[in-house]
Each structure stands twice: as C-alpha cells, then as structure tokens.
N, C-alpha and C. Protein backbone atom coordinates (compact mmCIF):
# COMPACT_ATOMS: atom_id res chain seq x y z
N MET A 1 -8.15 -13.37 12.43
CA MET A 1 -7.09 -14.43 12.63
C MET A 1 -5.83 -14.07 11.75
N ALA A 2 -5.94 -13.57 10.52
CA ALA A 2 -4.76 -13.31 9.72
C ALA A 2 -4.06 -12.17 10.28
N ALA A 3 -4.76 -11.24 10.85
CA ALA A 3 -4.24 -9.88 11.45
C ALA A 3 -3.27 -10.44 12.62
N ARG A 4 -3.84 -11.39 13.42
CA ARG A 4 -2.90 -11.86 14.45
C ARG A 4 -1.79 -12.76 13.94
N LEU A 5 -1.90 -13.61 12.84
CA LEU A 5 -0.91 -14.31 12.37
C LEU A 5 0.19 -13.47 11.79
N TYR A 6 0.00 -12.29 11.23
CA TYR A 6 0.90 -11.40 10.73
C TYR A 6 1.32 -10.39 11.71
N GLN A 7 1.06 -10.50 12.88
CA GLN A 7 1.29 -9.62 14.15
C GLN A 7 0.83 -8.16 13.99
N ASN A 8 -0.23 -8.10 13.16
CA ASN A 8 -0.97 -6.74 13.00
C ASN A 8 -1.90 -6.66 14.14
N ILE A 9 -1.34 -5.97 15.31
CA ILE A 9 -2.03 -5.79 16.43
C ILE A 9 -3.09 -4.66 16.58
N ALA A 10 -3.40 -4.01 15.47
CA ALA A 10 -4.45 -2.87 15.49
C ALA A 10 -5.77 -3.52 15.86
N ARG A 11 -6.32 -2.99 16.92
CA ARG A 11 -7.66 -3.52 17.49
C ARG A 11 -8.61 -3.39 16.46
N ALA A 12 -8.64 -2.49 15.38
CA ALA A 12 -9.59 -2.42 14.41
C ALA A 12 -9.92 -3.86 13.59
N HIS A 13 -8.94 -4.75 13.77
CA HIS A 13 -9.14 -6.12 13.07
C HIS A 13 -9.72 -7.08 14.03
N PHE A 14 -9.62 -6.93 15.38
CA PHE A 14 -10.28 -8.11 16.10
C PHE A 14 -11.01 -7.63 17.37
N ASN A 15 -11.13 -6.51 17.72
CA ASN A 15 -11.66 -5.98 18.96
C ASN A 15 -13.11 -5.50 18.75
N ALA A 16 -14.01 -6.37 18.59
CA ALA A 16 -15.43 -5.79 18.04
C ALA A 16 -16.09 -4.95 19.22
N HIS A 17 -15.90 -5.34 20.42
CA HIS A 17 -16.42 -4.70 21.59
C HIS A 17 -15.93 -3.26 21.58
N ALA A 18 -14.70 -2.95 21.50
CA ALA A 18 -14.07 -1.65 21.48
C ALA A 18 -14.46 -0.78 20.33
N LEU A 19 -14.80 -1.50 19.20
CA LEU A 19 -15.14 -0.78 17.90
C LEU A 19 -16.57 -0.38 17.78
N LYS A 20 -17.41 -0.76 18.59
CA LYS A 20 -18.81 -0.43 18.63
C LYS A 20 -19.18 1.03 18.44
N ASN A 21 -18.53 1.85 19.16
CA ASN A 21 -18.69 3.33 19.23
C ASN A 21 -17.77 4.11 18.19
N THR A 22 -17.22 3.42 17.21
CA THR A 22 -16.25 4.06 16.39
C THR A 22 -16.98 4.54 15.13
N ARG A 23 -16.24 5.17 14.22
CA ARG A 23 -16.79 5.54 12.92
C ARG A 23 -17.53 4.50 12.15
N PHE A 24 -16.98 3.27 12.11
CA PHE A 24 -17.64 2.27 11.28
C PHE A 24 -18.47 1.26 12.17
N GLY A 25 -18.22 1.18 13.52
CA GLY A 25 -19.11 0.49 14.50
C GLY A 25 -18.84 -1.01 14.36
N LYS A 26 -17.79 -1.41 13.58
CA LYS A 26 -17.43 -2.93 13.37
C LYS A 26 -16.08 -3.04 13.06
N ARG A 27 -15.62 -4.40 13.01
CA ARG A 27 -14.30 -4.73 12.78
C ARG A 27 -13.93 -4.57 11.27
N VAL A 28 -12.73 -4.31 10.86
CA VAL A 28 -12.27 -4.11 9.49
C VAL A 28 -11.57 -5.33 9.18
N ILE A 29 -11.66 -5.81 7.92
CA ILE A 29 -10.94 -6.96 7.48
C ILE A 29 -9.64 -6.64 7.16
N TYR A 30 -8.66 -7.48 7.58
CA TYR A 30 -7.16 -7.17 7.41
C TYR A 30 -6.88 -7.16 5.84
N GLY A 31 -6.17 -6.00 5.51
CA GLY A 31 -5.97 -5.65 4.18
C GLY A 31 -5.13 -6.67 3.35
N GLY A 32 -4.22 -7.39 4.04
CA GLY A 32 -3.40 -8.51 3.35
C GLY A 32 -4.23 -9.50 2.84
N HIS A 33 -5.43 -9.84 3.58
CA HIS A 33 -6.35 -10.89 3.21
C HIS A 33 -7.08 -10.45 2.02
N ILE A 34 -7.43 -9.02 1.98
CA ILE A 34 -8.25 -8.53 0.78
C ILE A 34 -7.38 -8.69 -0.49
N ILE A 35 -6.13 -8.33 -0.25
CA ILE A 35 -5.13 -8.38 -1.42
C ILE A 35 -5.03 -9.84 -1.98
N SER A 36 -4.89 -10.75 -1.04
CA SER A 36 -4.74 -12.23 -1.48
C SER A 36 -6.11 -12.67 -2.09
N MET A 37 -7.23 -12.24 -1.63
CA MET A 37 -8.44 -12.62 -2.29
C MET A 37 -8.70 -11.98 -3.54
N ALA A 38 -8.18 -10.80 -3.84
CA ALA A 38 -8.28 -10.16 -5.14
C ALA A 38 -7.36 -10.71 -6.12
N HIS A 39 -6.24 -11.13 -5.55
CA HIS A 39 -5.21 -11.80 -6.47
C HIS A 39 -5.85 -13.21 -6.93
N ALA A 40 -6.36 -13.99 -6.04
CA ALA A 40 -6.93 -15.31 -6.26
C ALA A 40 -8.18 -15.06 -7.34
N LEU A 41 -8.96 -14.02 -7.19
CA LEU A 41 -10.11 -13.91 -8.01
C LEU A 41 -9.69 -13.48 -9.41
N SER A 42 -8.75 -12.74 -9.56
CA SER A 42 -8.18 -12.14 -10.81
C SER A 42 -7.20 -12.98 -11.55
N PHE A 43 -6.86 -14.14 -11.08
CA PHE A 43 -5.72 -14.83 -11.65
C PHE A 43 -6.16 -15.74 -12.80
N ASN A 44 -7.46 -15.79 -13.17
CA ASN A 44 -7.94 -16.64 -14.29
C ASN A 44 -7.27 -16.10 -15.55
N GLY A 45 -6.66 -16.96 -16.30
CA GLY A 45 -5.98 -16.60 -17.67
C GLY A 45 -4.36 -16.52 -17.38
N LEU A 46 -4.07 -16.50 -16.16
CA LEU A 46 -2.61 -16.38 -15.78
C LEU A 46 -2.08 -17.63 -15.16
N GLU A 47 -2.81 -18.79 -15.48
CA GLU A 47 -2.45 -20.10 -14.65
C GLU A 47 -1.07 -20.58 -15.14
N ASN A 48 -0.48 -20.10 -16.23
CA ASN A 48 0.83 -20.58 -16.55
C ASN A 48 2.02 -19.74 -16.06
N ALA A 49 1.70 -18.80 -15.14
CA ALA A 49 2.76 -17.96 -14.55
C ALA A 49 3.59 -18.85 -13.72
N VAL A 50 4.79 -18.58 -13.72
CA VAL A 50 5.76 -19.29 -12.92
C VAL A 50 5.84 -18.78 -11.56
N ARG A 51 5.89 -17.32 -11.54
CA ARG A 51 6.05 -16.67 -10.08
C ARG A 51 5.69 -15.26 -10.24
N ILE A 52 5.36 -14.70 -9.19
CA ILE A 52 5.19 -13.29 -8.93
C ILE A 52 6.72 -12.64 -8.38
N LEU A 53 7.21 -11.84 -9.20
CA LEU A 53 8.53 -11.40 -8.83
C LEU A 53 8.48 -10.20 -7.65
N ALA A 54 7.43 -9.47 -7.77
CA ALA A 54 7.36 -8.32 -6.72
C ALA A 54 6.03 -7.72 -6.79
N PHE A 55 5.67 -7.12 -5.66
CA PHE A 55 4.57 -6.27 -5.51
C PHE A 55 5.09 -4.86 -5.41
N ASN A 56 4.88 -4.12 -6.38
CA ASN A 56 5.44 -2.61 -6.31
C ASN A 56 4.77 -1.66 -5.43
N GLY A 57 3.61 -1.88 -5.00
CA GLY A 57 2.76 -1.03 -4.18
C GLY A 57 1.49 -1.39 -4.12
N GLY A 58 0.60 -0.76 -3.27
CA GLY A 58 -0.82 -1.04 -2.98
C GLY A 58 -1.39 0.05 -2.11
N THR A 59 -2.68 0.03 -2.30
CA THR A 59 -3.42 1.16 -1.66
C THR A 59 -4.84 0.59 -1.16
N HIS A 60 -5.09 0.93 0.06
CA HIS A 60 -6.33 0.44 0.66
C HIS A 60 -7.14 1.71 0.72
N SER A 61 -7.98 2.01 -0.28
CA SER A 61 -8.73 3.23 -0.34
C SER A 61 -10.06 3.28 0.42
N ASN A 62 -10.63 1.99 0.69
CA ASN A 62 -11.88 1.86 1.52
C ASN A 62 -11.68 0.64 2.52
N PRO A 63 -12.43 0.76 3.58
CA PRO A 63 -12.41 -0.34 4.43
C PRO A 63 -13.32 -1.43 3.89
N THR A 64 -12.91 -2.74 4.39
CA THR A 64 -13.72 -3.87 3.97
C THR A 64 -14.15 -4.52 5.18
N PHE A 65 -15.45 -5.04 5.14
CA PHE A 65 -16.10 -5.64 6.29
C PHE A 65 -16.55 -6.96 5.95
N ALA A 66 -16.76 -7.82 7.06
CA ALA A 66 -17.54 -9.14 6.84
C ALA A 66 -18.72 -9.00 6.13
N GLY A 67 -19.11 -9.67 5.06
CA GLY A 67 -20.21 -9.55 4.33
C GLY A 67 -20.05 -8.83 3.03
N ASP A 68 -19.04 -8.06 2.89
CA ASP A 68 -18.82 -7.26 1.60
C ASP A 68 -18.56 -8.25 0.40
N THR A 69 -18.98 -8.00 -0.72
CA THR A 69 -18.67 -8.90 -2.00
C THR A 69 -17.45 -8.29 -2.59
N LEU A 70 -16.58 -9.06 -2.96
CA LEU A 70 -15.33 -8.63 -3.68
C LEU A 70 -15.34 -9.00 -4.96
N PHE A 71 -14.78 -8.16 -6.05
CA PHE A 71 -14.53 -8.37 -7.38
C PHE A 71 -13.07 -7.93 -7.60
N ALA A 72 -12.62 -8.61 -8.62
CA ALA A 72 -11.32 -8.16 -8.98
C ALA A 72 -10.91 -8.58 -10.44
N TRP A 73 -9.95 -7.80 -10.96
CA TRP A 73 -9.37 -8.06 -12.23
C TRP A 73 -7.95 -7.72 -12.39
N THR A 74 -7.37 -8.13 -13.47
CA THR A 74 -5.97 -7.78 -13.72
C THR A 74 -5.80 -7.06 -15.09
N ASP A 75 -5.08 -5.99 -15.11
CA ASP A 75 -4.82 -5.36 -16.33
C ASP A 75 -3.40 -5.54 -16.70
N VAL A 76 -3.11 -5.82 -17.85
CA VAL A 76 -1.67 -6.00 -18.40
C VAL A 76 -1.16 -4.62 -18.74
N ILE A 77 -0.15 -4.32 -18.09
CA ILE A 77 0.33 -2.87 -18.28
C ILE A 77 1.57 -2.90 -19.38
N GLU A 78 2.30 -3.98 -19.15
CA GLU A 78 3.51 -4.01 -20.01
C GLU A 78 3.87 -5.45 -20.27
N LYS A 79 4.37 -5.87 -21.46
CA LYS A 79 4.91 -7.06 -21.80
C LYS A 79 6.43 -6.85 -22.07
N ILE A 80 7.21 -7.58 -21.24
CA ILE A 80 8.71 -7.53 -21.14
C ILE A 80 9.37 -8.78 -21.96
N ASP A 81 10.21 -8.42 -22.87
CA ASP A 81 10.96 -9.47 -23.53
C ASP A 81 12.08 -9.96 -22.83
N LEU A 82 12.28 -11.15 -22.41
CA LEU A 82 13.38 -11.63 -21.65
C LEU A 82 14.61 -12.17 -22.51
N GLY A 83 14.31 -12.09 -23.87
CA GLY A 83 15.40 -12.83 -24.70
C GLY A 83 15.27 -14.27 -24.87
N ARG A 84 14.14 -14.85 -24.45
CA ARG A 84 13.93 -16.27 -24.49
C ARG A 84 12.66 -16.58 -25.28
N ALA A 85 12.63 -17.66 -25.95
CA ALA A 85 11.31 -18.01 -26.65
C ALA A 85 10.40 -18.70 -25.74
N ASP A 86 10.80 -19.24 -24.71
CA ASP A 86 9.87 -20.03 -23.78
C ASP A 86 9.34 -19.27 -22.54
N ALA A 87 9.77 -18.07 -22.43
CA ALA A 87 9.34 -17.23 -21.25
C ALA A 87 9.52 -15.88 -21.55
N GLY A 88 8.65 -15.11 -20.77
CA GLY A 88 8.56 -13.57 -20.74
C GLY A 88 8.07 -13.05 -19.49
N ALA A 89 7.88 -11.73 -19.40
CA ALA A 89 7.49 -11.10 -18.15
C ALA A 89 6.26 -10.21 -18.41
N LEU A 90 5.45 -10.01 -17.48
CA LEU A 90 4.38 -9.00 -17.62
C LEU A 90 4.36 -8.15 -16.44
N ARG A 91 4.06 -6.86 -16.68
CA ARG A 91 3.82 -6.00 -15.51
C ARG A 91 2.21 -5.86 -15.46
N LEU A 92 1.78 -6.12 -14.37
CA LEU A 92 0.31 -6.27 -14.19
C LEU A 92 -0.15 -5.24 -13.06
N ARG A 93 -1.50 -4.83 -13.29
CA ARG A 93 -2.17 -3.97 -12.32
C ARG A 93 -3.29 -4.74 -11.78
N LEU A 94 -3.34 -5.07 -10.49
CA LEU A 94 -4.34 -5.77 -9.88
C LEU A 94 -5.30 -4.90 -9.22
N VAL A 95 -6.63 -4.87 -9.56
CA VAL A 95 -7.59 -4.12 -9.14
C VAL A 95 -8.72 -4.81 -8.32
N GLY A 96 -8.94 -4.54 -7.09
CA GLY A 96 -10.05 -5.10 -6.32
C GLY A 96 -11.02 -4.05 -5.89
N VAL A 97 -12.32 -4.36 -6.09
CA VAL A 97 -13.38 -3.46 -5.60
C VAL A 97 -14.43 -4.37 -4.79
N LYS A 98 -15.19 -3.57 -3.98
CA LYS A 98 -16.21 -4.28 -3.21
C LYS A 98 -17.52 -3.79 -3.56
N ASN A 99 -18.54 -4.70 -3.39
CA ASN A 99 -19.89 -4.27 -3.61
C ASN A 99 -20.19 -3.37 -4.76
N ALA A 100 -19.63 -3.69 -6.02
CA ALA A 100 -19.76 -2.88 -7.18
C ALA A 100 -20.82 -3.67 -7.98
C-alpha cells in the first residue's frame, strides 16, 4: 500500500503472482516503510526532539519481507552547539536490522 501511495510502481512491492518465479519468490516490503519503522523503534530517549532537519543518506543492503522482525537503534555521532542554552543539535546514525 505504501509503495502505491508514494507512486513507487515497481512490481516487486505489490505483484505477488509475477514474483513467484523470481530470486526471492515473494514481495519485498517498501524501503520507505522500513526506514519509518526503524525511526519509530529507535526514537526512545529522543522524545524532546523538536524536528528532524534532514536525512543525509540511506542504504537498503538487504530486502525485507512480511514476517521479518525489525530491530533498530540510534547512535549519536556529533553534538552541535547552536549558541543557545535551551537548544542544540545532534547528528545521528539510524541503524535498522532484521531477524538479528
């Protein structure tokens, strides 16, 4: 459903019949959904964040399928001083893995 919502028409996301004889033999979960799930799972401890300013990049190194179990965490890479006592910025690395 998310693949169609974002107009990702790659049949790997929704055409189960056509994918029966492919390398994986089943549909692949849309990567944007996986990134959103990883973000939601790893956000514990960052509940006071005002906003995310940017995503600098991302990699889908393995396909994810229905039934896979996702795990995620966030590493703090850098703390950035904004010159304010009430706010700052963090550079974060979001990591999501499956079936670990």
